[in-house]
């Protein structure tokens, strides 16, 4: 099933959704947002990745920054930080450039490699968009983490591709219902910029009235 353009979700929301469904809903359904050091630092890193020319050619390597992408099949749109196009006989043709090229998406992230798959899912979703737009197959891409200053190669396996599709299907269903899931408190709540909007402490209190009474006393 192909989605209409007005029903497209933000590709970047996939990472939020994988980390916390409530965080995603607060941002993308209720249009709420709050920054902290981590989010500001991450934004600065993305700005640095987008600095310079939008297109850069280095012989058999073409670099395109801040590339607009979409997928009607997945119902998403967004941008790639960087897409490297390597000249290859099995690649695809690009308008304005001679030869054939294979795309290689690169996403910039703050910090270091994560234990969860949120970053990998976002990168894989970018690859799926590029595959649909360019009619090609992209086997892998890379996540560049700011703390170790090195790339982590991500292979776009069948299981990772399915996880992307499953998450997006659930996101579309929640968005259509305008439903915000309940909070599930975890250790990551303390570092979340949305903590004061989400109020995860409410789930640890048996009654809302008890929370309000305690807040008034404080």
N, C-alpha and C. Protein backbone atom coordinates (compact mmCIF):
# COMPACT_ATOMS: atom_id res chain seq x y z
N UNK A 1 0.84 -1.20 0.00
CA UNK A 1 0.00 0.00 0.00
C UNK A 1 0.88 1.24 0.00
N UNK A 2 0.64 2.15 -0.93
CA UNK A 2 1.38 3.41 -0.98
C UNK A 2 0.62 4.48 -0.21
N UNK A 3 1.34 5.24 0.60
CA UNK A 3 0.73 6.31 1.39
C UNK A 3 0.65 7.59 0.57
N UNK A 4 -0.34 8.42 0.88
CA UNK A 4 -0.43 9.74 0.27
C UNK A 4 0.60 10.65 0.92
N UNK A 5 1.06 11.63 0.18
CA UNK A 5 2.13 12.50 0.67
C UNK A 5 1.73 13.22 1.95
N UNK A 6 0.44 13.57 2.08
CA UNK A 6 0.01 14.28 3.29
C UNK A 6 0.02 13.38 4.53
N UNK A 7 0.16 12.07 4.32
CA UNK A 7 0.19 11.14 5.44
C UNK A 7 1.61 10.70 5.81
N UNK A 8 2.62 11.27 5.13
CA UNK A 8 4.00 10.90 5.43
C UNK A 8 4.37 11.30 6.86
N UNK A 9 5.11 10.44 7.54
CA UNK A 9 5.67 10.74 8.85
C UNK A 9 7.12 11.14 8.69
N UNK A 10 7.65 11.83 9.70
CA UNK A 10 9.06 12.23 9.66
C UNK A 10 9.94 11.02 9.90
N UNK A 11 10.87 10.78 9.00
CA UNK A 11 11.77 9.64 9.13
C UNK A 11 12.55 9.69 10.43
N UNK A 12 12.97 10.88 10.84
CA UNK A 12 13.76 11.03 12.06
C UNK A 12 13.00 10.56 13.30
N UNK A 13 11.67 10.53 13.22
CA UNK A 13 10.87 10.09 14.36
C UNK A 13 11.03 8.61 14.66
N UNK A 14 11.53 7.85 13.69
CA UNK A 14 11.72 6.42 13.89
C UNK A 14 12.69 6.14 15.04
N UNK A 15 13.74 6.95 15.13
CA UNK A 15 14.70 6.79 16.22
C UNK A 15 14.04 7.08 17.57
N UNK A 16 13.25 8.17 17.64
CA UNK A 16 12.54 8.50 18.87
C UNK A 16 11.61 7.35 19.26
N UNK A 17 10.90 6.82 18.27
CA UNK A 17 9.92 5.77 18.52
C UNK A 17 10.58 4.52 19.08
N UNK A 18 11.73 4.15 18.53
CA UNK A 18 12.43 2.95 19.00
C UNK A 18 12.93 3.11 20.43
N UNK A 19 13.35 4.32 20.79
CA UNK A 19 13.82 4.58 22.15
C UNK A 19 12.66 4.65 23.12
N UNK A 20 11.60 5.38 22.74
CA UNK A 20 10.44 5.56 23.62
C UNK A 20 9.24 5.98 22.79
N UNK A 21 8.22 5.14 22.77
CA UNK A 21 7.02 5.43 21.99
C UNK A 21 6.32 6.70 22.49
N UNK A 22 6.34 6.91 23.79
CA UNK A 22 5.68 8.10 24.33
C UNK A 22 6.43 9.37 23.91
N UNK A 23 7.76 9.33 23.94
CA UNK A 23 8.55 10.47 23.51
C UNK A 23 8.21 10.83 22.07
N UNK A 24 8.13 9.82 21.20
CA UNK A 24 7.78 10.07 19.81
C UNK A 24 6.41 10.71 19.70
N UNK A 25 5.43 10.18 20.43
CA UNK A 25 4.06 10.70 20.35
C UNK A 25 3.98 12.14 20.86
N UNK A 26 4.68 12.45 21.95
CA UNK A 26 4.68 13.81 22.47
C UNK A 26 5.24 14.78 21.43
N UNK A 27 6.29 14.36 20.73
CA UNK A 27 6.92 15.22 19.72
C UNK A 27 6.11 15.32 18.43
N UNK A 28 5.69 14.17 17.91
CA UNK A 28 5.16 14.12 16.55
C UNK A 28 3.63 14.11 16.47
N UNK A 29 2.97 13.81 17.57
CA UNK A 29 1.50 13.86 17.58
C UNK A 29 1.02 15.10 18.33
N UNK A 30 1.61 15.34 19.52
CA UNK A 30 1.19 16.49 20.34
C UNK A 30 2.01 17.74 20.07
N UNK A 31 3.04 17.63 19.22
CA UNK A 31 3.89 18.77 18.86
C UNK A 31 4.50 19.47 20.07
N UNK A 32 4.98 18.67 21.02
CA UNK A 32 5.67 19.20 22.19
C UNK A 32 7.16 18.89 22.06
N UNK A 33 7.99 19.78 22.57
CA UNK A 33 9.43 19.55 22.51
C UNK A 33 10.14 20.37 23.58
N UNK A 34 11.25 19.85 24.06
CA UNK A 34 12.10 20.55 25.01
C UNK A 34 13.53 20.12 24.75
N UNK A 35 14.46 21.07 24.84
CA UNK A 35 15.87 20.78 24.60
C UNK A 35 16.62 20.60 25.92
N UNK A 36 17.69 19.86 25.86
CA UNK A 36 18.68 19.82 26.93
C UNK A 36 20.05 19.77 26.28
N UNK A 37 21.09 19.59 27.08
CA UNK A 37 22.45 19.60 26.52
C UNK A 37 22.62 18.55 25.44
N UNK A 38 22.07 17.37 25.64
CA UNK A 38 22.26 16.27 24.70
C UNK A 38 21.64 16.59 23.34
N UNK A 39 20.43 17.16 23.35
CA UNK A 39 19.77 17.47 22.07
C UNK A 39 20.47 18.62 21.36
N UNK A 40 20.90 19.63 22.12
CA UNK A 40 21.60 20.77 21.51
C UNK A 40 22.92 20.32 20.92
N UNK A 41 23.65 19.49 21.65
CA UNK A 41 24.92 18.98 21.17
C UNK A 41 24.73 18.15 19.89
N UNK A 42 23.68 17.35 19.86
CA UNK A 42 23.38 16.56 18.67
C UNK A 42 23.04 17.43 17.48
N UNK A 43 22.28 18.51 17.72
CA UNK A 43 21.92 19.43 16.63
C UNK A 43 23.15 20.12 16.06
N UNK A 44 24.07 20.50 16.95
CA UNK A 44 25.30 21.15 16.49
C UNK A 44 26.12 20.20 15.63
N UNK A 45 26.13 18.92 15.99
CA UNK A 45 26.89 17.95 15.21
C UNK A 45 26.30 17.79 13.82
N UNK A 46 24.96 17.79 13.73
CA UNK A 46 24.32 17.68 12.42
C UNK A 46 24.59 18.93 11.58
N UNK A 47 24.61 20.09 12.23
CA UNK A 47 24.91 21.32 11.50
C UNK A 47 26.32 21.28 10.92
N UNK A 48 27.27 20.75 11.69
CA UNK A 48 28.64 20.63 11.20
C UNK A 48 28.71 19.68 10.02
N UNK A 49 27.90 18.61 10.08
CA UNK A 49 27.89 17.64 8.97
C UNK A 49 27.35 18.29 7.70
N UNK A 50 26.47 19.28 7.84
CA UNK A 50 25.86 19.92 6.69
C UNK A 50 26.64 21.14 6.20
N UNK A 51 27.71 21.53 6.94
CA UNK A 51 28.52 22.67 6.53
C UNK A 51 29.23 22.37 5.21
N UNK A 52 29.49 23.41 4.45
CA UNK A 52 30.21 23.23 3.20
C UNK A 52 29.25 23.07 2.03
N UNK A 53 29.79 22.67 0.89
CA UNK A 53 28.99 22.53 -0.31
C UNK A 53 28.01 21.36 -0.19
N UNK A 54 26.83 21.53 -0.81
CA UNK A 54 25.85 20.46 -0.82
C UNK A 54 26.35 19.26 -1.60
N UNK A 55 27.09 19.53 -2.67
CA UNK A 55 27.66 18.47 -3.50
C UNK A 55 29.18 18.65 -3.58
N UNK A 56 29.87 17.54 -3.51
CA UNK A 56 31.33 17.57 -3.58
C UNK A 56 31.80 16.37 -4.39
N UNK A 57 32.61 16.62 -5.39
CA UNK A 57 33.08 15.55 -6.27
C UNK A 57 34.57 15.32 -6.05
N UNK A 58 34.93 14.06 -5.83
CA UNK A 58 36.33 13.69 -5.64
C UNK A 58 36.65 12.49 -6.54
N UNK A 59 36.75 12.72 -7.81
CA UNK A 59 37.05 11.64 -8.74
C UNK A 59 35.93 10.62 -8.82
N UNK A 60 36.19 9.43 -8.28
CA UNK A 60 35.19 8.35 -8.31
C UNK A 60 34.26 8.40 -7.10
N UNK A 61 34.28 9.50 -6.34
CA UNK A 61 33.42 9.67 -5.18
C UNK A 61 32.64 10.97 -5.29
N UNK A 62 31.33 10.86 -5.17
CA UNK A 62 30.44 12.03 -5.16
C UNK A 62 29.75 12.08 -3.80
N UNK A 63 29.86 13.22 -3.12
CA UNK A 63 29.27 13.37 -1.79
C UNK A 63 28.12 14.38 -1.86
N UNK A 64 26.95 13.97 -1.42
CA UNK A 64 25.78 14.85 -1.37
C UNK A 64 25.32 14.97 0.07
N UNK A 65 25.21 16.18 0.58
CA UNK A 65 24.82 16.43 1.96
C UNK A 65 23.38 16.94 2.02
N UNK A 66 22.72 16.63 3.12
CA UNK A 66 21.37 17.15 3.38
C UNK A 66 20.41 16.80 2.25
N UNK A 67 20.45 15.54 1.83
CA UNK A 67 19.66 15.09 0.68
C UNK A 67 18.22 14.77 1.08
N UNK A 68 17.25 15.35 0.38
CA UNK A 68 15.84 15.07 0.63
C UNK A 68 15.49 13.67 0.12
N UNK A 69 14.80 12.89 0.95
CA UNK A 69 14.41 11.54 0.56
C UNK A 69 12.98 11.27 1.00
N UNK A 70 12.37 10.22 0.42
CA UNK A 70 11.01 9.84 0.80
C UNK A 70 10.75 8.41 0.38
N UNK A 71 9.69 7.83 0.93
CA UNK A 71 9.21 6.52 0.51
C UNK A 71 7.70 6.50 0.59
N UNK A 72 7.05 6.31 -0.56
CA UNK A 72 5.59 6.20 -0.57
C UNK A 72 5.15 4.88 0.04
N UNK A 73 5.96 3.84 -0.12
CA UNK A 73 5.61 2.53 0.44
C UNK A 73 5.64 2.52 1.96
N UNK A 74 6.60 3.25 2.54
CA UNK A 74 6.72 3.31 4.00
C UNK A 74 5.97 4.50 4.59
N UNK A 75 5.66 5.49 3.77
CA UNK A 75 4.95 6.67 4.26
C UNK A 75 5.82 7.57 5.10
N UNK A 76 7.05 7.83 4.65
CA UNK A 76 7.97 8.68 5.41
C UNK A 76 8.71 9.62 4.46
N UNK A 77 9.23 10.70 5.03
CA UNK A 77 10.09 11.62 4.30
C UNK A 77 11.10 12.20 5.28
N UNK A 78 12.22 12.67 4.75
CA UNK A 78 13.23 13.23 5.62
C UNK A 78 14.46 13.63 4.84
N UNK A 79 15.59 13.64 5.54
CA UNK A 79 16.85 14.02 4.92
C UNK A 79 17.95 13.06 5.35
N UNK A 80 18.92 12.88 4.48
CA UNK A 80 20.14 12.15 4.81
C UNK A 80 21.23 13.16 5.16
N UNK A 81 21.96 12.93 6.24
CA UNK A 81 23.09 13.81 6.55
C UNK A 81 24.05 13.83 5.38
N UNK A 82 24.50 12.64 4.99
CA UNK A 82 25.44 12.50 3.87
C UNK A 82 25.12 11.23 3.10
N UNK A 83 25.15 11.32 1.79
CA UNK A 83 25.10 10.12 0.95
C UNK A 83 26.32 10.15 0.04
N UNK A 84 27.15 9.12 0.17
CA UNK A 84 28.31 8.98 -0.70
C UNK A 84 27.90 8.13 -1.91
N UNK A 85 28.22 8.60 -3.09
CA UNK A 85 27.99 7.83 -4.30
C UNK A 85 29.35 7.40 -4.86
N UNK A 86 29.57 6.10 -4.90
CA UNK A 86 30.83 5.55 -5.39
C UNK A 86 30.65 5.05 -6.82
N UNK A 87 31.55 5.46 -7.69
CA UNK A 87 31.47 5.01 -9.08
C UNK A 87 31.66 3.49 -9.13
N UNK A 88 30.69 2.80 -9.79
CA UNK A 88 30.74 1.34 -9.82
C UNK A 88 29.97 0.85 -11.05
N UNK A 89 30.47 -0.17 -11.73
CA UNK A 89 29.79 -0.66 -12.95
C UNK A 89 28.40 -1.22 -12.70
N UNK A 90 28.11 -1.61 -11.44
CA UNK A 90 26.78 -2.16 -11.12
C UNK A 90 25.88 -1.11 -10.47
N UNK A 91 26.26 0.16 -10.57
CA UNK A 91 25.50 1.22 -9.92
C UNK A 91 24.34 1.73 -10.76
N UNK A 92 23.85 2.91 -10.40
CA UNK A 92 22.72 3.54 -11.10
C UNK A 92 23.21 4.87 -11.68
N UNK A 93 22.48 5.35 -12.68
CA UNK A 93 22.85 6.62 -13.29
C UNK A 93 22.30 7.78 -12.45
N UNK A 94 23.04 8.88 -12.43
CA UNK A 94 22.64 10.08 -11.71
C UNK A 94 22.59 11.25 -12.69
N UNK A 95 21.53 12.02 -12.60
CA UNK A 95 21.37 13.16 -13.50
C UNK A 95 22.52 14.14 -13.32
N UNK A 96 23.14 14.52 -14.42
CA UNK A 96 24.22 15.49 -14.37
C UNK A 96 25.59 14.90 -14.12
N UNK A 97 25.66 13.57 -14.00
CA UNK A 97 26.94 12.93 -13.73
C UNK A 97 27.11 11.72 -14.66
N UNK A 98 28.29 11.62 -15.25
CA UNK A 98 28.58 10.49 -16.13
C UNK A 98 28.86 9.23 -15.31
N UNK A 99 28.62 8.08 -15.92
CA UNK A 99 28.93 6.82 -15.26
C UNK A 99 27.81 6.30 -14.38
N UNK A 100 28.10 5.22 -13.65
CA UNK A 100 27.15 4.58 -12.75
C UNK A 100 27.67 4.68 -11.32
N UNK A 101 26.74 4.80 -10.36
CA UNK A 101 27.11 5.09 -8.98
C UNK A 101 26.31 4.25 -8.00
N UNK A 102 26.95 3.83 -6.91
CA UNK A 102 26.26 3.10 -5.84
C UNK A 102 26.16 4.00 -4.61
N UNK A 103 24.95 4.16 -4.04
CA UNK A 103 24.77 5.04 -2.88
C UNK A 103 25.18 4.37 -1.56
N UNK A 104 25.70 5.19 -0.64
CA UNK A 104 26.15 4.71 0.66
C UNK A 104 25.79 5.79 1.68
N UNK A 105 24.67 5.61 2.42
CA UNK A 105 24.24 6.64 3.38
C UNK A 105 25.10 6.65 4.64
N UNK A 106 25.36 7.85 5.14
CA UNK A 106 26.13 8.03 6.38
C UNK A 106 25.36 8.98 7.29
N UNK A 107 25.05 8.54 8.51
CA UNK A 107 24.32 9.35 9.48
C UNK A 107 25.26 9.72 10.63
N UNK A 108 25.24 11.00 11.01
CA UNK A 108 26.10 11.49 12.08
C UNK A 108 25.34 11.49 13.41
N UNK A 109 25.98 10.96 14.45
CA UNK A 109 25.36 10.88 15.77
C UNK A 109 26.35 11.35 16.84
N UNK A 110 25.80 11.95 17.89
CA UNK A 110 26.64 12.35 19.01
C UNK A 110 26.95 11.12 19.87
N UNK A 111 27.92 11.26 20.76
CA UNK A 111 28.20 10.18 21.70
C UNK A 111 28.88 8.99 21.05
N UNK A 112 28.51 7.82 21.54
CA UNK A 112 29.14 6.59 21.06
C UNK A 112 28.09 5.57 20.66
N UNK A 113 28.55 4.40 20.23
CA UNK A 113 27.66 3.36 19.76
C UNK A 113 26.64 2.98 20.84
N UNK A 114 25.40 2.71 20.41
CA UNK A 114 24.31 2.39 21.34
C UNK A 114 24.07 0.88 21.42
N UNK A 115 23.48 0.48 22.54
CA UNK A 115 23.13 -0.94 22.69
C UNK A 115 21.85 -1.27 21.94
N UNK A 116 20.95 -0.29 21.79
CA UNK A 116 19.70 -0.53 21.07
C UNK A 116 19.89 -0.27 19.58
N UNK A 117 18.84 -0.53 18.80
CA UNK A 117 18.94 -0.43 17.34
C UNK A 117 18.36 0.86 16.77
N UNK A 118 18.08 1.86 17.62
CA UNK A 118 17.40 3.06 17.14
C UNK A 118 18.16 3.76 16.02
N UNK A 119 19.46 3.95 16.20
CA UNK A 119 20.25 4.64 15.18
C UNK A 119 20.32 3.81 13.89
N UNK A 120 20.50 2.51 14.05
CA UNK A 120 20.57 1.62 12.88
C UNK A 120 19.25 1.61 12.11
N UNK A 121 18.14 1.67 12.83
CA UNK A 121 16.83 1.71 12.18
C UNK A 121 16.67 2.97 11.34
N UNK A 122 17.09 4.11 11.88
CA UNK A 122 16.99 5.36 11.14
C UNK A 122 17.82 5.29 9.86
N UNK A 123 19.04 4.77 9.97
CA UNK A 123 19.90 4.65 8.80
C UNK A 123 19.32 3.69 7.77
N UNK A 124 18.78 2.56 8.25
CA UNK A 124 18.18 1.58 7.36
C UNK A 124 16.97 2.17 6.63
N UNK A 125 16.18 2.97 7.33
CA UNK A 125 15.02 3.62 6.71
C UNK A 125 15.47 4.57 5.60
N UNK A 126 16.59 5.25 5.82
CA UNK A 126 17.14 6.12 4.77
C UNK A 126 17.51 5.29 3.54
N UNK A 127 18.13 4.14 3.79
CA UNK A 127 18.52 3.26 2.67
C UNK A 127 17.29 2.77 1.91
N UNK A 128 16.23 2.42 2.63
CA UNK A 128 15.01 1.95 1.98
C UNK A 128 14.40 3.04 1.10
N UNK A 129 14.47 4.28 1.57
CA UNK A 129 13.98 5.40 0.76
C UNK A 129 14.82 5.54 -0.51
N UNK A 130 16.14 5.49 -0.36
CA UNK A 130 17.02 5.61 -1.52
C UNK A 130 16.82 4.47 -2.50
N UNK A 131 16.61 3.27 -1.97
CA UNK A 131 16.36 2.13 -2.86
C UNK A 131 15.10 2.34 -3.70
N UNK A 132 14.06 2.87 -3.06
CA UNK A 132 12.81 3.10 -3.76
C UNK A 132 12.94 4.22 -4.78
N UNK A 133 13.68 5.26 -4.42
CA UNK A 133 13.83 6.42 -5.30
C UNK A 133 14.73 6.12 -6.49
N UNK A 134 15.78 5.32 -6.27
CA UNK A 134 16.79 5.09 -7.30
C UNK A 134 16.68 3.72 -7.96
N UNK A 135 15.73 2.89 -7.49
CA UNK A 135 15.55 1.54 -8.03
C UNK A 135 16.85 0.74 -7.96
N UNK A 136 17.36 0.60 -6.74
CA UNK A 136 18.62 -0.10 -6.55
C UNK A 136 18.57 -0.86 -5.22
N UNK A 137 19.64 -1.55 -4.89
CA UNK A 137 19.76 -2.25 -3.61
C UNK A 137 20.98 -1.70 -2.87
N UNK A 138 20.79 -1.38 -1.60
CA UNK A 138 21.87 -0.83 -0.78
C UNK A 138 22.15 -1.80 0.36
N UNK A 139 23.26 -2.51 0.34
CA UNK A 139 23.53 -3.52 1.36
C UNK A 139 23.97 -2.98 2.71
N UNK A 140 24.59 -1.79 2.73
CA UNK A 140 25.10 -1.28 4.00
C UNK A 140 25.28 0.23 3.96
N UNK A 141 25.46 0.80 5.15
CA UNK A 141 25.75 2.22 5.31
C UNK A 141 26.59 2.38 6.56
N UNK A 142 26.69 3.60 7.08
CA UNK A 142 27.55 3.80 8.25
C UNK A 142 26.97 4.85 9.19
N UNK A 143 27.19 4.64 10.48
CA UNK A 143 26.88 5.62 11.52
C UNK A 143 28.21 6.19 12.00
N UNK A 144 28.31 7.52 11.97
CA UNK A 144 29.54 8.17 12.45
C UNK A 144 29.26 8.77 13.82
N UNK A 145 29.94 8.25 14.84
CA UNK A 145 29.73 8.72 16.21
C UNK A 145 30.81 9.73 16.59
N UNK A 146 30.37 10.82 17.21
CA UNK A 146 31.27 11.91 17.54
C UNK A 146 32.28 11.62 18.61
N UNK A 147 31.94 10.77 19.58
CA UNK A 147 32.86 10.53 20.69
C UNK A 147 34.08 9.72 20.26
N UNK A 148 33.92 8.56 19.61
CA UNK A 148 35.12 7.84 19.14
C UNK A 148 35.65 8.38 17.82
N UNK A 149 34.84 9.24 17.14
CA UNK A 149 35.23 9.81 15.84
C UNK A 149 35.56 8.72 14.81
N UNK A 150 34.67 7.77 14.72
CA UNK A 150 34.87 6.72 13.72
C UNK A 150 33.50 6.20 13.27
N UNK A 151 33.53 5.48 12.17
CA UNK A 151 32.29 4.95 11.60
C UNK A 151 32.00 3.55 12.13
N UNK A 152 30.71 3.27 12.28
CA UNK A 152 30.25 1.92 12.56
C UNK A 152 29.46 1.46 11.33
N UNK A 153 29.95 0.45 10.66
CA UNK A 153 29.27 -0.06 9.46
C UNK A 153 28.02 -0.82 9.87
N UNK A 154 26.90 -0.51 9.23
CA UNK A 154 25.62 -1.17 9.51
C UNK A 154 25.19 -1.94 8.27
N UNK A 155 25.00 -3.25 8.43
CA UNK A 155 24.50 -4.08 7.34
C UNK A 155 22.98 -4.10 7.39
N UNK A 156 22.35 -3.83 6.27
CA UNK A 156 20.89 -3.76 6.22
C UNK A 156 20.33 -5.17 5.99
N UNK A 157 20.27 -5.93 7.08
CA UNK A 157 19.80 -7.31 7.03
C UNK A 157 18.29 -7.36 6.85
N UNK A 158 17.79 -8.53 6.53
CA UNK A 158 16.34 -8.71 6.39
C UNK A 158 15.63 -8.41 7.71
N UNK A 159 16.23 -8.81 8.83
CA UNK A 159 15.60 -8.58 10.13
C UNK A 159 15.55 -7.10 10.47
N UNK A 160 16.62 -6.34 10.13
CA UNK A 160 16.62 -4.90 10.39
C UNK A 160 15.59 -4.20 9.50
N UNK A 161 15.50 -4.61 8.25
CA UNK A 161 14.51 -4.03 7.33
C UNK A 161 13.09 -4.29 7.83
N UNK A 162 12.85 -5.50 8.33
CA UNK A 162 11.51 -5.84 8.85
C UNK A 162 11.19 -5.03 10.10
N UNK A 163 12.20 -4.80 10.95
CA UNK A 163 11.98 -4.00 12.16
C UNK A 163 11.59 -2.58 11.79
N UNK A 164 12.22 -2.04 10.75
CA UNK A 164 11.85 -0.71 10.27
C UNK A 164 10.39 -0.69 9.83
N UNK A 165 9.99 -1.66 9.03
CA UNK A 165 8.63 -1.73 8.51
C UNK A 165 7.61 -1.91 9.64
N UNK A 166 7.93 -2.78 10.61
CA UNK A 166 7.01 -3.03 11.72
C UNK A 166 6.83 -1.77 12.57
N UNK A 167 7.93 -1.07 12.86
CA UNK A 167 7.84 0.15 13.66
C UNK A 167 7.02 1.21 12.95
N UNK A 168 7.25 1.37 11.65
CA UNK A 168 6.53 2.40 10.91
C UNK A 168 5.04 2.08 10.80
N UNK A 169 4.70 0.82 10.66
CA UNK A 169 3.28 0.44 10.63
C UNK A 169 2.61 0.83 11.94
N UNK A 170 3.29 0.56 13.06
CA UNK A 170 2.72 0.92 14.37
C UNK A 170 2.64 2.43 14.52
N UNK A 171 3.65 3.15 14.04
CA UNK A 171 3.64 4.61 14.12
C UNK A 171 2.48 5.20 13.35
N UNK A 172 2.22 4.67 12.15
CA UNK A 172 1.10 5.17 11.35
C UNK A 172 -0.24 4.92 12.05
N UNK A 173 -0.36 3.77 12.69
CA UNK A 173 -1.61 3.45 13.40
C UNK A 173 -1.83 4.39 14.58
N UNK A 174 -0.77 4.64 15.35
CA UNK A 174 -0.88 5.55 16.49
C UNK A 174 -1.17 6.97 16.02
N UNK A 175 -0.50 7.39 14.95
CA UNK A 175 -0.70 8.74 14.45
C UNK A 175 -2.12 8.93 13.93
N UNK A 176 -2.67 7.91 13.26
CA UNK A 176 -4.03 7.99 12.75
C UNK A 176 -5.05 8.12 13.87
N UNK A 177 -4.75 7.48 15.01
CA UNK A 177 -5.65 7.55 16.18
C UNK A 177 -5.35 8.75 17.07
N UNK A 178 -4.23 9.46 16.80
CA UNK A 178 -3.77 10.55 17.65
C UNK A 178 -3.66 10.07 19.10
N UNK A 179 -3.04 8.89 19.23
CA UNK A 179 -2.94 8.24 20.55
C UNK A 179 -1.51 8.35 21.09
N UNK A 180 -1.40 8.84 22.33
CA UNK A 180 -0.10 8.93 23.00
C UNK A 180 0.02 7.80 24.01
N UNK A 181 0.95 6.88 23.82
CA UNK A 181 1.10 5.75 24.76
C UNK A 181 1.46 6.22 26.17
N UNK A 182 1.15 5.39 27.14
CA UNK A 182 1.51 5.68 28.52
C UNK A 182 3.02 5.55 28.69
N UNK A 183 3.53 6.24 29.68
CA UNK A 183 4.96 6.21 29.94
C UNK A 183 5.37 4.87 30.56
N UNK A 184 6.54 4.39 30.16
CA UNK A 184 7.14 3.21 30.77
C UNK A 184 8.50 3.64 31.33
N UNK A 185 8.53 4.02 32.61
CA UNK A 185 9.76 4.57 33.20
C UNK A 185 10.95 3.63 33.05
N UNK A 186 12.11 4.22 32.73
CA UNK A 186 13.36 3.46 32.61
C UNK A 186 14.51 4.38 32.99
N UNK A 187 15.73 3.83 32.97
CA UNK A 187 16.90 4.62 33.31
C UNK A 187 17.11 5.78 32.34
N UNK A 188 16.69 5.59 31.10
CA UNK A 188 16.90 6.62 30.09
C UNK A 188 16.04 7.86 30.32
N UNK A 189 15.02 7.75 31.18
CA UNK A 189 14.14 8.89 31.45
C UNK A 189 14.91 10.08 32.03
N UNK A 190 15.92 9.80 32.85
CA UNK A 190 16.66 10.87 33.51
C UNK A 190 17.40 11.77 32.52
N UNK A 191 17.82 11.21 31.39
CA UNK A 191 18.57 11.97 30.39
C UNK A 191 17.67 12.55 29.31
N UNK A 192 16.38 12.26 29.36
CA UNK A 192 15.46 12.70 28.31
C UNK A 192 15.10 14.16 28.46
N UNK A 193 15.17 14.91 27.37
CA UNK A 193 14.82 16.33 27.40
C UNK A 193 13.32 16.55 27.63
N UNK A 194 12.53 15.49 27.41
CA UNK A 194 11.07 15.60 27.55
C UNK A 194 10.58 15.22 28.95
N UNK A 195 11.49 15.02 29.87
CA UNK A 195 11.13 14.49 31.19
C UNK A 195 10.08 15.36 31.89
N UNK A 196 10.22 16.66 31.84
CA UNK A 196 9.29 17.54 32.55
C UNK A 196 7.92 17.61 31.86
N UNK A 197 7.86 17.29 30.57
CA UNK A 197 6.59 17.25 29.85
C UNK A 197 5.92 15.89 29.99
N UNK A 198 6.75 14.86 30.03
CA UNK A 198 6.24 13.49 30.11
C UNK A 198 5.81 13.12 31.53
N UNK A 199 6.57 13.59 32.51
CA UNK A 199 6.35 13.32 33.94
C UNK A 199 6.29 11.81 34.21
N UNK A 200 7.39 11.08 34.00
CA UNK A 200 7.39 9.63 34.23
C UNK A 200 7.12 9.25 35.67
N UNK A 201 7.33 10.19 36.61
CA UNK A 201 7.10 9.88 38.02
C UNK A 201 5.64 9.54 38.30
N UNK A 202 4.74 10.00 37.42
CA UNK A 202 3.32 9.71 37.63
C UNK A 202 3.03 8.22 37.65
N UNK A 203 3.80 7.45 36.89
CA UNK A 203 3.55 6.01 36.82
C UNK A 203 3.99 5.28 38.07
N UNK A 204 4.79 5.94 38.91
CA UNK A 204 5.27 5.32 40.13
C UNK A 204 4.37 5.64 41.32
N UNK A 205 3.34 6.46 41.06
CA UNK A 205 2.41 6.86 42.12
C UNK A 205 1.05 6.25 41.83
N UNK A 206 0.43 5.70 42.85
CA UNK A 206 -0.82 4.97 42.66
C UNK A 206 -1.96 5.86 42.18
N UNK A 207 -2.00 7.10 42.63
CA UNK A 207 -3.08 8.00 42.25
C UNK A 207 -2.51 9.35 41.82
N UNK A 208 -3.16 9.97 40.84
CA UNK A 208 -2.76 11.30 40.41
C UNK A 208 -2.94 12.30 41.54
N UNK A 209 -3.98 12.11 42.35
CA UNK A 209 -4.24 13.02 43.46
C UNK A 209 -3.09 13.01 44.46
N UNK A 210 -2.47 11.83 44.63
CA UNK A 210 -1.32 11.73 45.54
C UNK A 210 -0.15 12.55 44.99
N UNK A 211 0.05 12.48 43.67
CA UNK A 211 1.14 13.23 43.05
C UNK A 211 0.91 14.73 43.19
N UNK A 212 -0.35 15.18 42.95
CA UNK A 212 -0.65 16.60 43.05
C UNK A 212 -0.48 17.12 44.48
N UNK A 213 -0.90 16.28 45.43
CA UNK A 213 -0.75 16.68 46.82
C UNK A 213 0.73 16.82 47.21
N UNK A 214 1.55 15.90 46.72
CA UNK A 214 2.98 15.95 47.00
C UNK A 214 3.60 17.15 46.33
N UNK A 215 3.18 17.46 45.10
CA UNK A 215 3.72 18.61 44.37
C UNK A 215 3.39 19.92 45.06
N UNK A 216 2.19 20.01 45.61
CA UNK A 216 1.76 21.23 46.31
C UNK A 216 2.62 21.43 47.56
N UNK A 217 2.91 20.35 48.29
CA UNK A 217 3.73 20.43 49.49
C UNK A 217 5.14 20.90 49.17
N UNK A 218 5.67 20.43 48.00
CA UNK A 218 7.02 20.83 47.61
C UNK A 218 7.08 22.28 47.17
